[in-house]
Amino acid sequence: MKPYLLEETNWHTVKEMEYQVALLPWGATEAHNYHLPYGSDTCMATHVARRSAALAWERGVKALVLPQIAYGVNSGQMDIPFCMHMNPSTQQRILEDIVTVLIRHKVHKLVIVNGHGGNSFQNAIRELELRFPGMFICMVNWWRVCPVKEYFDNPGDHADEMETSAMMAIRPELVLPLEYAGSGKEHRFT
């Protein structure tokens, strides 16, 4: 059992724990060409959050990974089957509820580990920090942590070299061979 993963721990463990920071993996459910799974963004954000919390614990920081959210802002892909779209206002309400719970349990730092380029939390964070002045909220786009051009010839930004490589590293069983990948082009808004 890992006390830093809320979905895997139990009440006995958390009731006496003084967590210092919460990590919220937030992805999306959308097509990633033909070769990557719909849950790629969520898988990657969750992996980064879990690994970050494990490293934090090794350094004495009591981090807690909250259950991942797999719905993102996808208004530009609505004609692709089962691309799930969440309005930014809905994201803000969810964040507000999560912050309220965290404050109630004396966790005053929240890191949103974002896995989807369509998610934009800046305005929500600004509003929530005014409403909850004792709360520190920030967002990390995992793919911007290091300069990707140093590692990839053609990193791309969606189902390209970078995301395919990341999924191959963390969930290779979900990645189809590259011959299944299409051009990535989709006619939108017909």
Foldseek 3Di string as FASTA:
>chain_A
DDQQEVVPDDCVSPVPDDAAEEEEEEEFQDDQFQFFHSQLLSLLLQVVRVVVCVVCVVVPHRYHYYDYHHHDADPFHVVPPPGHHDDLVRVLVVVLVVCVVCVVSPHQEYEYEGRYPRHDCVVSQVVVCVVVVSHHYYYDDPVPPDDCVVPDVPCDDGSDDVSLVSCCVRPVVRGDPPVSGDPPDDDTDD
